[in-house]
Amino acid sequence: MRLFLAGNALVALLLGADPAEKPDPRDFGPGTIDVTGYPAEQRKNYEMYAVKCAKCHPLARSVNARFSAGDWKKYMKRMIRRPNSGINEEQAATVYDFLKYHATRLGL
């Protein structure tokens, strides 16, 4: 058990997370979205979303979030302001467009 906890702490330190923080349960769900049935523009937007969001956390976190379009709008504003997020306004608009479309498809 101690080895497991020490291993988790090491992983958290390497990823830049506080080892005292509890893992986000959304991180353990599916890590991709099947966009084969999405319009071509949204499939392209998904690529930007996958690259930008996975820079700071597992993609599963946002894949498994049950956010409405309005929730995603607020969330993206927060992500733009985060240091080292690497997301500019234009990229955030693209990511938000995908997340809004996906939330609508899920009925959120």
PDB file of N, CA and C in Angstrom:
ATOM      1  N   MET A   1       0.829  -1.192   0.000  1.00  0.00           N
ATOM      2  CA  MET A   1       0.000   0.000   0.000  1.00  0.00           C
ATOM      3  C   MET A   1       0.874   1.257   0.000  1.00  0.00           C
ATOM      4  N   ARG A   2       1.952   1.257   0.785  1.00  0.00           N
ATOM      5  CA  ARG A   2       2.830   2.423   0.827  1.00  0.00           C
ATOM      6  C   ARG A   2       3.487   2.680  -0.520  1.00  0.00           C
ATOM      7  N   LEU A   3       3.873   1.600  -1.204  1.00  0.00           N
ATOM      8  CA  LEU A   3       4.479   1.744  -2.518  1.00  0.00           C
ATOM      9  C   LEU A   3       3.494   2.376  -3.487  1.00  0.00           C
ATOM     10  N   PHE A   4       2.232   1.960  -3.432  1.00  0.00           N
ATOM     11  CA  PHE A   4       1.191   2.534  -4.295  1.00  0.00           C
ATOM     12  C   PHE A   4       1.046   4.026  -4.033  1.00  0.00           C
ATOM     13  N   LEU A   5       0.969   4.405  -2.767  1.00  0.00           N
ATOM     14  CA  LEU A   5       0.823   5.825  -2.423  1.00  0.00           C
ATOM     15  C   LEU A   5       2.047   6.621  -2.841  1.00  0.00           C
ATOM     16  N   ALA A   6       3.232   6.060  -2.637  1.00  0.00           N
ATOM     17  CA  ALA A   6       4.459   6.750  -3.039  1.00  0.00           C
ATOM     18  C   ALA A   6       4.495   6.899  -4.550  1.00  0.00           C
ATOM     19  N   GLY A   7       4.067   5.869  -5.272  1.00  0.00           N
ATOM     20  CA  GLY A   7       4.021   5.938  -6.734  1.00  0.00           C
ATOM     21  C   GLY A   7       3.064   7.013  -7.204  1.00  0.00           C
ATOM     22  N   ASN A   8       1.895   7.120  -6.584  1.00  0.00           N
ATOM     23  CA  ASN A   8       0.933   8.165  -6.941  1.00  0.00           C
ATOM     24  C   ASN A   8       1.492   9.548  -6.670  1.00  0.00           C
ATOM     25  N   ALA A   9       2.197   9.700  -5.554  1.00  0.00           N
ATOM     26  CA  ALA A   9       2.795  10.997  -5.228  1.00  0.00           C
ATOM     27  C   ALA A   9       3.853  11.367  -6.257  1.00  0.00           C
ATOM     28  N   LEU A  10       4.652  10.387  -6.677  1.00  0.00           N
ATOM     29  CA  LEU A  10       5.688  10.649  -7.678  1.00  0.00           C
ATOM     30  C   LEU A  10       5.056  11.057  -9.003  1.00  0.00           C
ATOM     31  N   VAL A  11       4.028  10.355  -9.420  1.00  0.00           N
ATOM     32  CA  VAL A  11       3.336  10.713 -10.665  1.00  0.00           C
ATOM     33  C   VAL A  11       2.778  12.125 -10.556  1.00  0.00           C
ATOM     34  N   ALA A  12       2.163  12.460  -9.439  1.00  0.00           N
ATOM     35  CA  ALA A  12       1.597  13.792  -9.251  1.00  0.00           C
ATOM     36  C   ALA A  12       2.680  14.861  -9.323  1.00  0.00           C
ATOM     37  N   LEU A  13       3.826  14.596  -8.707  1.00  0.00           N
ATOM     38  CA  LEU A  13       4.915  15.569  -8.756  1.00  0.00           C
ATOM     39  C   LEU A  13       5.441  15.740 -10.173  1.00  0.00           C
ATOM     40  N   LEU A  14       5.589  14.645 -10.892  1.00  0.00           N
ATOM     41  CA  LEU A  14       6.077  14.725 -12.264  1.00  0.00           C
ATOM     42  C   LEU A  14       5.106  15.465 -13.161  1.00  0.00           C
ATOM     43  N   LEU A  15       3.816  15.354 -12.882  1.00  0.00           N
ATOM     44  CA  LEU A  15       2.808  16.038 -13.684  1.00  0.00           C
ATOM     45  C   LEU A  15       2.553  17.457 -13.201  1.00  0.00           C
ATOM     46  N   GLY A  16       3.208  17.848 -12.123  1.00  0.00           N
ATOM     47  CA  GLY A  16       3.054  19.203 -11.614  1.00  0.00           C
ATOM     48  C   GLY A  16       1.830  19.380 -10.735  1.00  0.00           C
ATOM     49  N   ALA A  17       1.239  18.297 -10.268  1.00  0.00           N
ATOM     50  CA  ALA A  17       0.054  18.384  -9.422  1.00  0.00           C
ATOM     51  C   ALA A  17       0.466  18.269  -7.960  1.00  0.00           C
ATOM     52  N   ASP A  18      -0.377  18.763  -7.102  1.00  0.00           N
ATOM     53  CA  ASP A  18      -0.167  18.631  -5.671  1.00  0.00           C
ATOM     54  C   ASP A  18      -0.548  17.208  -5.275  1.00  0.00           C
ATOM     55  N   PRO A  19       0.388  16.417  -4.724  1.00  0.00           N
ATOM     56  CA  PRO A  19       0.067  15.027  -4.392  1.00  0.00           C
ATOM     57  C   PRO A  19      -1.016  14.898  -3.332  1.00  0.00           C
ATOM     58  N   ALA A  20      -1.283  15.962  -2.580  1.00  0.00           N
ATOM     59  CA  ALA A  20      -2.336  15.914  -1.571  1.00  0.00           C
ATOM     60  C   ALA A  20      -3.726  16.026  -2.192  1.00  0.00           C
ATOM     61  N   GLU A  21      -3.790  16.514  -3.443  1.00  0.00           N
ATOM     62  CA  GLU A  21      -5.083  16.644  -4.108  1.00  0.00           C
ATOM     63  C   GLU A  21      -5.616  15.276  -4.482  1.00  0.00           C
ATOM     64  N   LYS A  22      -6.918  15.114  -4.346  1.00  0.00           N
ATOM     65  CA  LYS A  22      -7.548  13.866  -4.753  1.00  0.00           C
ATOM     66  C   LYS A  22      -7.670  13.860  -6.276  1.00  0.00           C
ATOM     67  N   PRO A  23      -7.532  12.694  -6.887  1.00  0.00           N
ATOM     68  CA  PRO A  23      -7.685  12.639  -8.346  1.00  0.00           C
ATOM     69  C   PRO A  23      -9.120  12.978  -8.746  1.00  0.00           C
ATOM     70  N   ASP A  24      -9.261  13.568  -9.903  1.00  0.00           N
ATOM     71  CA  ASP A  24     -10.583  13.901 -10.422  1.00  0.00           C
ATOM     72  C   ASP A  24     -11.195  12.622 -10.985  1.00  0.00           C
ATOM     73  N   PRO A  25     -12.361  12.201 -10.524  1.00  0.00           N
ATOM     74  CA  PRO A  25     -12.949  10.942 -11.001  1.00  0.00           C
ATOM     75  C   PRO A  25     -13.209  10.925 -12.511  1.00  0.00           C
ATOM     76  N   ARG A  26     -13.373  12.090 -13.111  1.00  0.00           N
ATOM     77  CA  ARG A  26     -13.603  12.137 -14.562  1.00  0.00           C
ATOM     78  C   ARG A  26     -12.383  11.669 -15.340  1.00  0.00           C
ATOM     79  N   ASP A  27     -11.204  11.731 -14.720  1.00  0.00           N
ATOM     80  CA  ASP A  27      -9.971  11.335 -15.397  1.00  0.00           C
ATOM     81  C   ASP A  27      -9.931   9.839 -15.702  1.00  0.00           C
ATOM     82  N   PHE A  28     -10.772   9.067 -15.059  1.00  0.00           N
ATOM     83  CA  PHE A  28     -10.730   7.618 -15.215  1.00  0.00           C
ATOM     84  C   PHE A  28     -11.770   7.092 -16.198  1.00  0.00           C
ATOM     85  N   GLY A  29     -12.506   7.982 -16.842  1.00  0.00           N
ATOM     86  CA  GLY A  29     -13.487   7.571 -17.850  1.00  0.00           C
ATOM     87  C   GLY A  29     -12.858   7.545 -19.228  1.00  0.00           C
ATOM     88  N   PRO A  30     -13.689   7.424 -20.257  1.00  0.00           N
ATOM     89  CA  PRO A  30     -13.173   7.411 -21.636  1.00  0.00           C
ATOM     90  C   PRO A  30     -12.354   8.668 -21.929  1.00  0.00           C
ATOM     91  N   GLY A  31     -11.314   8.518 -22.732  1.00  0.00           N
ATOM     92  CA  GLY A  31     -10.420   9.626 -23.030  1.00  0.00           C
ATOM     93  C   GLY A  31     -10.561  10.184 -24.430  1.00  0.00           C
ATOM     94  N   THR A  32     -11.560   9.740 -25.172  1.00  0.00           N
ATOM     95  CA  THR A  32     -11.789  10.241 -26.527  1.00  0.00           C
ATOM     96  C   THR A  32     -13.282  10.346 -26.786  1.00  0.00           C
ATOM     97  N   ILE A  33     -13.618  11.055 -27.844  1.00  0.00           N
ATOM     98  CA  ILE A  33     -15.010  11.168 -28.290  1.00  0.00           C
ATOM     99  C   ILE A  33     -15.045  10.656 -29.724  1.00  0.00           C
ATOM    100  N   ASP A  34     -15.999   9.794 -30.023  1.00  0.00           N
ATOM    101  CA  ASP A  34     -16.163   9.305 -31.393  1.00  0.00           C
ATOM    102  C   ASP A  34     -16.854  10.400 -32.199  1.00  0.00           C
ATOM    103  N   VAL A  35     -16.098  11.063 -33.045  1.00  0.00           N
ATOM    104  CA  VAL A  35     -16.635  12.184 -33.823  1.00  0.00           C
ATOM    105  C   VAL A  35     -16.883  11.795 -35.285  1.00  0.00           C
ATOM    106  N   THR A  36     -16.882  10.512 -35.583  1.00  0.00           N
ATOM    107  CA  THR A  36     -17.053  10.089 -36.981  1.00  0.00           C
ATOM    108  C   THR A  36     -18.373  10.560 -37.572  1.00  0.00           C
ATOM    109  N   GLY A  37     -19.403  10.718 -36.759  1.00  0.00           N
ATOM    110  CA  GLY A  37     -20.698  11.186 -37.250  1.00  0.00           C
ATOM    111  C   GLY A  37     -20.878  12.695 -37.162  1.00  0.00           C
ATOM    112  N   TYR A  38     -19.848  13.412 -36.754  1.00  0.00           N
ATOM    113  CA  TYR A  38     -19.919  14.867 -36.616  1.00  0.00           C
ATOM    114  C   TYR A  38     -19.611  15.525 -37.967  1.00  0.00           C
ATOM    115  N   PRO A  39     -20.106  16.743 -38.174  1.00  0.00           N
ATOM    116  CA  PRO A  39     -19.758  17.468 -39.406  1.00  0.00           C
ATOM    117  C   PRO A  39     -18.237  17.673 -39.504  1.00  0.00           C
ATOM    118  N   ALA A  40     -17.738  17.824 -40.719  1.00  0.00           N
ATOM    119  CA  ALA A  40     -16.301  17.960 -40.960  1.00  0.00           C
ATOM    120  C   ALA A  40     -15.682  19.081 -40.124  1.00  0.00           C
ATOM    121  N   GLU A  41     -16.364  20.209 -40.020  1.00  0.00           N
ATOM    122  CA  GLU A  41     -15.821  21.338 -39.237  1.00  0.00           C
ATOM    123  C   GLU A  41     -15.632  20.937 -37.777  1.00  0.00           C
ATOM    124  N   GLN A  42     -16.591  20.203 -37.230  1.00  0.00           N
ATOM    125  CA  GLN A  42     -16.484  19.798 -35.829  1.00  0.00           C
ATOM    126  C   GLN A  42     -15.427  18.725 -35.634  1.00  0.00           C
ATOM    127  N   ARG A  43     -15.203  17.875 -36.620  1.00  0.00           N
ATOM    128  CA  ARG A  43     -14.105  16.901 -36.527  1.00  0.00           C
ATOM    129  C   ARG A  43     -12.766  17.634 -36.489  1.00  0.00           C
ATOM    130  N   LYS A  44     -12.652  18.697 -37.275  1.00  0.00           N
ATOM    131  CA  LYS A  44     -11.433  19.513 -37.260  1.00  0.00           C
ATOM    132  C   LYS A  44     -11.288  20.236 -35.918  1.00  0.00           C
ATOM    133  N   ASN A  45     -12.385  20.782 -35.413  1.00  0.00           N
ATOM    134  CA  ASN A  45     -12.366  21.460 -34.113  1.00  0.00           C
ATOM    135  C   ASN A  45     -11.974  20.491 -32.991  1.00  0.00           C
ATOM    136  N   TYR A  46     -12.409  19.240 -33.130  1.00  0.00           N
ATOM    137  CA  TYR A  46     -12.068  18.221 -32.128  1.00  0.00           C
ATOM    138  C   TYR A  46     -10.553  18.051 -32.028  1.00  0.00           C
ATOM    139  N   GLU A  47      -9.866  18.105 -33.158  1.00  0.00           N
ATOM    140  CA  GLU A  47      -8.407  17.968 -33.148  1.00  0.00           C
ATOM    141  C   GLU A  47      -7.765  19.068 -32.300  1.00  0.00           C
ATOM    142  N   MET A  48      -8.222  20.306 -32.472  1.00  0.00           N
ATOM    143  CA  MET A  48      -7.693  21.425 -31.679  1.00  0.00           C
ATOM    144  C   MET A  48      -8.020  21.208 -30.201  1.00  0.00           C
ATOM    145  N   TYR A  49      -9.254  20.837 -29.934  1.00  0.00           N
ATOM    146  CA  TYR A  49      -9.692  20.564 -28.564  1.00  0.00           C
ATOM    147  C   TYR A  49      -8.794  19.508 -27.914  1.00  0.00           C
ATOM    148  N   ALA A  50      -8.567  18.397 -28.610  1.00  0.00           N
ATOM    149  CA  ALA A  50      -7.791  17.296 -28.046  1.00  0.00           C
ATOM    150  C   ALA A  50      -6.360  17.729 -27.724  1.00  0.00           C
ATOM    151  N   VAL A  51      -5.750  18.503 -28.588  1.00  0.00           N
ATOM    152  CA  VAL A  51      -4.371  18.949 -28.369  1.00  0.00           C
ATOM    153  C   VAL A  51      -4.304  19.958 -27.224  1.00  0.00           C
ATOM    154  N   LYS A  52      -5.152  20.962 -27.265  1.00  0.00           N
ATOM    155  CA  LYS A  52      -5.077  22.039 -26.274  1.00  0.00           C
ATOM    156  C   LYS A  52      -5.478  21.572 -24.879  1.00  0.00           C
ATOM    157  N   CYS A  53      -6.541  20.805 -24.768  1.00  0.00           N
ATOM    158  CA  CYS A  53      -7.022  20.402 -23.444  1.00  0.00           C
ATOM    159  C   CYS A  53      -6.109  19.371 -22.795  1.00  0.00           C
ATOM    160  N   ALA A  54      -5.511  18.498 -23.611  1.00  0.00           N
ATOM    161  CA  ALA A  54      -4.635  17.460 -23.067  1.00  0.00           C
ATOM    162  C   ALA A  54      -3.287  18.020 -22.619  1.00  0.00           C
ATOM    163  N   LYS A  55      -3.021  19.271 -22.939  1.00  0.00           N
ATOM    164  CA  LYS A  55      -1.752  19.881 -22.526  1.00  0.00           C
ATOM    165  C   LYS A  55      -1.658  19.987 -21.002  1.00  0.00           C
ATOM    166  N   CYS A  56      -2.793  20.251 -20.354  1.00  0.00           N
ATOM    167  CA  CYS A  56      -2.773  20.511 -18.916  1.00  0.00           C
ATOM    168  C   CYS A  56      -3.413  19.421 -18.055  1.00  0.00           C
ATOM    169  N   HIS A  57      -4.240  18.593 -18.639  1.00  0.00           N
ATOM    170  CA  HIS A  57      -4.905  17.541 -17.870  1.00  0.00           C
ATOM    171  C   HIS A  57      -5.307  16.418 -18.814  1.00  0.00           C
ATOM    172  N   PRO A  58      -5.630  15.246 -18.270  1.00  0.00           N
ATOM    173  CA  PRO A  58      -6.077  14.164 -19.146  1.00  0.00           C
ATOM    174  C   PRO A  58      -7.310  14.599 -19.939  1.00  0.00           C
ATOM    175  N   LEU A  59      -7.351  14.235 -21.195  1.00  0.00           N
ATOM    176  CA  LEU A  59      -8.498  14.597 -22.020  1.00  0.00           C
ATOM    177  C   LEU A  59      -9.783  14.008 -21.440  1.00  0.00           C
ATOM    178  N   ALA A  60      -9.662  12.899 -20.747  1.00  0.00           N
ATOM    179  CA  ALA A  60     -10.831  12.268 -20.134  1.00  0.00           C
ATOM    180  C   ALA A  60     -11.589  13.230 -19.220  1.00  0.00           C
ATOM    181  N   ARG A  61     -10.883  14.166 -18.603  1.00  0.00           N
ATOM    182  CA  ARG A  61     -11.548  15.095 -17.680  1.00  0.00           C
ATOM    183  C   ARG A  61     -12.640  15.888 -18.388  1.00  0.00           C
ATOM    184  N   SER A  62     -12.339  16.398 -19.564  1.00  0.00           N
ATOM    185  CA  SER A  62     -13.356  17.168 -20.273  1.00  0.00           C
ATOM    186  C   SER A  62     -14.314  16.263 -21.045  1.00  0.00           C
ATOM    187  N   VAL A  63     -13.835  15.107 -21.510  1.00  0.00           N
ATOM    188  CA  VAL A  63     -14.720  14.172 -22.205  1.00  0.00           C
ATOM    189  C   VAL A  63     -15.849  13.743 -21.276  1.00  0.00           C
ATOM    190  N   ASN A  64     -15.552  13.540 -20.020  1.00  0.00           N
ATOM    191  CA  ASN A  64     -16.529  13.024 -19.063  1.00  0.00           C
ATOM    192  C   ASN A  64     -17.242  14.094 -18.249  1.00  0.00           C
ATOM    193  N   ALA A  65     -16.939  15.349 -18.509  1.00  0.00           N
ATOM    194  CA  ALA A  65     -17.640  16.444 -17.832  1.00  0.00           C
ATOM    195  C   ALA A  65     -19.029  16.588 -18.463  1.00  0.00           C
ATOM    196  N   ARG A  66     -20.009  16.737 -17.656  1.00  0.00           N
ATOM    197  CA  ARG A  66     -21.386  16.890 -18.147  1.00  0.00           C
ATOM    198  C   ARG A  66     -21.750  18.375 -18.091  1.00  0.00           C
ATOM    199  N   PHE A  67     -21.054  19.185 -18.890  1.00  0.00           N
ATOM    200  CA  PHE A  67     -21.241  20.628 -18.905  1.00  0.00           C
ATOM    201  C   PHE A  67     -22.153  21.019 -20.055  1.00  0.00           C
ATOM    202  N   SER A  68     -22.976  22.015 -19.805  1.00  0.00           N
ATOM    203  CA  SER A  68     -23.801  22.613 -20.858  1.00  0.00           C
ATOM    204  C   SER A  68     -22.930  23.573 -21.666  1.00  0.00           C
ATOM    205  N   ALA A  69     -23.473  24.074 -22.760  1.00  0.00           N
ATOM    206  CA  ALA A  69     -22.741  25.060 -23.578  1.00  0.00           C
ATOM    207  C   ALA A  69     -22.363  26.273 -22.729  1.00  0.00           C
ATOM    208  N   GLY A  70     -23.276  26.725 -21.877  1.00  0.00           N
ATOM    209  CA  GLY A  70     -22.996  27.866 -21.004  1.00  0.00           C
ATOM    210  C   GLY A  70     -21.873  27.577 -20.017  1.00  0.00           C
ATOM    211  N   ASP A  71     -21.881  26.370 -19.467  1.00  0.00           N
ATOM    212  CA  ASP A  71     -20.809  25.973 -18.553  1.00  0.00           C
ATOM    213  C   ASP A  71     -19.461  25.992 -19.260  1.00  0.00           C
ATOM    214  N   TRP A  72     -19.440  25.458 -20.498  1.00  0.00           N
ATOM    215  CA  TRP A  72     -18.185  25.419 -21.248  1.00  0.00           C
ATOM    216  C   TRP A  72     -17.682  26.819 -21.556  1.00  0.00           C
ATOM    217  N   LYS A  73     -18.590  27.744 -21.821  1.00  0.00           N
ATOM    218  CA  LYS A  73     -18.178  29.126 -22.119  1.00  0.00           C
ATOM    219  C   LYS A  73     -17.431  29.717 -20.921  1.00  0.00           C
ATOM    220  N   LYS A  74     -17.979  29.540 -19.728  1.00  0.00           N
ATOM    221  CA  LYS A  74     -17.332  30.037 -18.513  1.00  0.00           C
ATOM    222  C   LYS A  74     -15.994  29.335 -18.286  1.00  0.00           C
ATOM    223  N   TYR A  75     -15.982  28.043 -18.499  1.00  0.00           N
ATOM    224  CA  TYR A  75     -14.782  27.251 -18.273  1.00  0.00           C
ATOM    225  C   TYR A  75     -13.662  27.666 -19.224  1.00  0.00           C
ATOM    226  N   MET A  76     -13.987  27.878 -20.480  1.00  0.00           N
ATOM    227  CA  MET A  76     -12.969  28.275 -21.455  1.00  0.00           C
ATOM    228  C   MET A  76     -12.381  29.637 -21.106  1.00  0.00           C
ATOM    229  N   LYS A  77     -13.184  30.542 -20.584  1.00  0.00           N
ATOM    230  CA  LYS A  77     -12.659  31.844 -20.160  1.00  0.00           C
ATOM    231  C   LYS A  77     -11.621  31.659 -19.057  1.00  0.00           C
ATOM    232  N   ARG A  78     -11.884  30.714 -18.147  1.00  0.00           N
ATOM    233  CA  ARG A  78     -10.921  30.430 -17.083  1.00  0.00           C
ATOM    234  C   ARG A  78      -9.646  29.828 -17.650  1.00  0.00           C
ATOM    235  N   MET A  79      -9.775  28.940 -18.623  1.00  0.00           N
ATOM    236  CA  MET A  79      -8.604  28.264 -19.180  1.00  0.00           C
ATOM    237  C   MET A  79      -7.702  29.239 -19.937  1.00  0.00           C
ATOM    238  N   ILE A  80      -8.276  30.223 -20.610  1.00  0.00           N
ATOM    239  CA  ILE A  80      -7.475  31.225 -21.324  1.00  0.00           C
ATOM    240  C   ILE A  80      -6.590  31.987 -20.347  1.00  0.00           C
ATOM    241  N   ARG A  81      -7.122  32.276 -19.172  1.00  0.00           N
ATOM    242  CA  ARG A  81      -6.392  33.079 -18.189  1.00  0.00           C
ATOM    243  C   ARG A  81      -5.321  32.288 -17.435  1.00  0.00           C
ATOM    244  N   ARG A  82      -5.339  30.978 -17.525  1.00  0.00           N
ATOM    245  CA  ARG A  82      -4.360  30.179 -16.796  1.00  0.00           C
ATOM    246  C   ARG A  82      -2.968  30.362 -17.395  1.00  0.00           C
ATOM    247  N   PRO A  83      -1.982  30.576 -16.542  1.00  0.00           N
ATOM    248  CA  PRO A  83      -0.615  30.701 -17.054  1.00  0.00           C
ATOM    249  C   PRO A  83      -0.200  29.417 -17.770  1.00  0.00           C
ATOM    250  N   ASN A  84       0.486  29.567 -18.850  1.00  0.00           N
ATOM    251  CA  ASN A  84       1.008  28.438 -19.621  1.00  0.00           C
ATOM    252  C   ASN A  84      -0.054  27.548 -20.257  1.00  0.00           C
ATOM    253  N   SER A  85      -1.287  28.018 -20.356  1.00  0.00           N
ATOM    254  CA  SER A  85      -2.314  27.186 -20.988  1.00  0.00           C
ATOM    255  C   SER A  85      -2.053  27.033 -22.481  1.00  0.00           C
ATOM    256  N   GLY A  86      -1.424  28.037 -23.070  1.00  0.00           N
ATOM    257  CA  GLY A  86      -1.140  27.958 -24.499  1.00  0.00           C
ATOM    258  C   GLY A  86      -2.368  28.098 -25.362  1.00  0.00           C
ATOM    259  N   ILE A  87      -3.438  28.646 -24.813  1.00  0.00           N
ATOM    260  CA  ILE A  87      -4.678  28.817 -25.569  1.00  0.00           C
ATOM    261  C   ILE A  87      -4.914  30.301 -25.780  1.00  0.00           C
ATOM    262  N   ASN A  88      -4.943  30.717 -27.046  1.00  0.00           N
ATOM    263  CA  ASN A  88      -5.259  32.113 -27.331  1.00  0.00           C
ATOM    264  C   ASN A  88      -6.767  32.238 -27.596  1.00  0.00           C
ATOM    265  N   GLU A  89      -7.230  33.445 -27.804  1.00  0.00           N
ATOM    266  CA  GLU A  89      -8.668  33.703 -27.982  1.00  0.00           C
ATOM    267  C   GLU A  89      -9.250  32.921 -29.173  1.00  0.00           C
ATOM    268  N   GLU A  90      -8.531  32.901 -30.288  1.00  0.00           N
ATOM    269  CA  GLU A  90      -9.024  32.208 -31.485  1.00  0.00           C
ATOM    270  C   GLU A  90      -9.115  30.697 -31.244  1.00  0.00           C
ATOM    271  N   GLN A  91      -8.098  30.133 -30.626  1.00  0.00           N
ATOM    272  CA  GLN A  91      -8.107  28.709 -30.321  1.00  0.00           C
ATOM    273  C   GLN A  91      -9.216  28.377 -29.318  1.00  0.00           C
ATOM    274  N   ALA A  92      -9.385  29.236 -28.327  1.00  0.00           N
ATOM    275  CA  ALA A  92     -10.445  29.022 -27.340  1.00  0.00           C
ATOM    276  C   ALA A  92     -11.813  29.037 -28.007  1.00  0.00           C
ATOM    277  N   ALA A  93     -12.000  29.909 -28.989  1.00  0.00           N
ATOM    278  CA  ALA A  93     -13.277  29.962 -29.708  1.00  0.00           C
ATOM    279  C   ALA A  93     -13.511  28.660 -30.469  1.00  0.00           C
ATOM    280  N   THR A  94     -12.461  28.105 -31.057  1.00  0.00           N
ATOM    281  CA  THR A  94     -12.570  26.836 -31.781  1.00  0.00           C
ATOM    282  C   THR A  94     -12.901  25.700 -30.826  1.00  0.00           C
ATOM    283  N   VAL A  95     -12.199  25.647 -29.704  1.00  0.00           N
ATOM    284  CA  VAL A  95     -12.448  24.606 -28.702  1.00  0.00           C
ATOM    285  C   VAL A  95     -13.863  24.748 -28.160  1.00  0.00           C
ATOM    286  N   TYR A  96     -14.264  25.977 -27.848  1.00  0.00           N
ATOM    287  CA  TYR A  96     -15.613  26.201 -27.335  1.00  0.00           C
ATOM    288  C   TYR A  96     -16.670  25.792 -28.353  1.00  0.00           C
ATOM    289  N   ASP A  97     -16.443  26.087 -29.616  1.00  0.00           N
ATOM    290  CA  ASP A  97     -17.406  25.707 -30.656  1.00  0.00           C
ATOM    291  C   ASP A  97     -17.606  24.191 -30.662  1.00  0.00           C
ATOM    292  N   PHE A  98     -16.501  23.455 -30.529  1.00  0.00           N
ATOM    293  CA  PHE A  98     -16.625  21.997 -30.479  1.00  0.00           C
ATOM    294  C   PHE A  98     -17.374  21.563 -29.226  1.00  0.00           C
ATOM    295  N   LEU A  99     -16.974  22.078 -28.064  1.00  0.00           N
ATOM    296  CA  LEU A  99     -17.593  21.663 -26.806  1.00  0.00           C
ATOM    297  C   LEU A  99     -19.085  22.012 -26.770  1.00  0.00           C
ATOM    298  N   LYS A 100     -19.430  23.162 -27.331  1.00  0.00           N
ATOM    299  CA  LYS A 100     -20.836  23.568 -27.402  1.00  0.00           C
ATOM    300  C   LYS A 100     -21.618  22.584 -28.278  1.00  0.00           C
ATOM    301  N   TYR A 101     -21.059  22.249 -29.436  1.00  0.00           N
ATOM    302  CA  TYR A 101     -21.706  21.308 -30.349  1.00  0.00           C
ATOM    303  C   TYR A 101     -21.863  19.938 -29.675  1.00  0.00           C
ATOM    304  N   HIS A 102     -20.805  19.473 -29.041  1.00  0.00           N
ATOM    305  CA  HIS A 102     -20.845  18.174 -28.380  1.00  0.00           C
ATOM    306  C   HIS A 102     -21.870  18.151 -27.249  1.00  0.00           C
ATOM    307  N   ALA A 103     -21.906  19.205 -26.446  1.00  0.00           N
ATOM    308  CA  ALA A 103     -22.881  19.289 -25.343  1.00  0.00           C
ATOM    309  C   ALA A 103     -24.306  19.249 -25.889  1.00  0.00           C
ATOM    310  N   THR A 104     -24.536  19.920 -26.989  1.00  0.00           N
ATOM    311  CA  THR A 104     -25.861  19.937 -27.606  1.00  0.00           C
ATOM    312  C   THR A 104     -26.229  18.527 -28.068  1.00  0.00           C
ATOM    313  N   ARG A 105     -25.282  17.822 -28.666  1.00  0.00           N
ATOM    314  CA  ARG A 105     -25.539  16.431 -29.104  1.00  0.00           C
ATOM    315  C   ARG A 105     -25.865  15.516 -27.933  1.00  0.00           C
ATOM    316  N   LEU A 106     -25.283  15.809 -26.775  1.00  0.00           N
ATOM    317  CA  LEU A 106     -25.549  15.011 -25.576  1.00  0.00           C
ATOM    318  C   LEU A 106     -26.849  15.425 -24.887  1.00  0.00           C
ATOM    319  N   GLY A 107     -27.441  16.529 -25.366  1.00  0.00           N
ATOM    320  CA  GLY A 107     -28.683  17.021 -24.745  1.00  0.00           C
ATOM    321  C   GLY A 107     -28.445  17.787 -23.468  1.00  0.00           C
ATOM    322  N   LEU A 108     -27.271  18.381 -23.336  1.00  0.00           N
ATOM    323  CA  LEU A 108     -26.945  19.136 -22.106  1.00  0.00           C
ATOM    324  C   LEU A 108     -27.210  20.610 -22.274  1.00  0.00           C
TER     325      LEU A 108
END
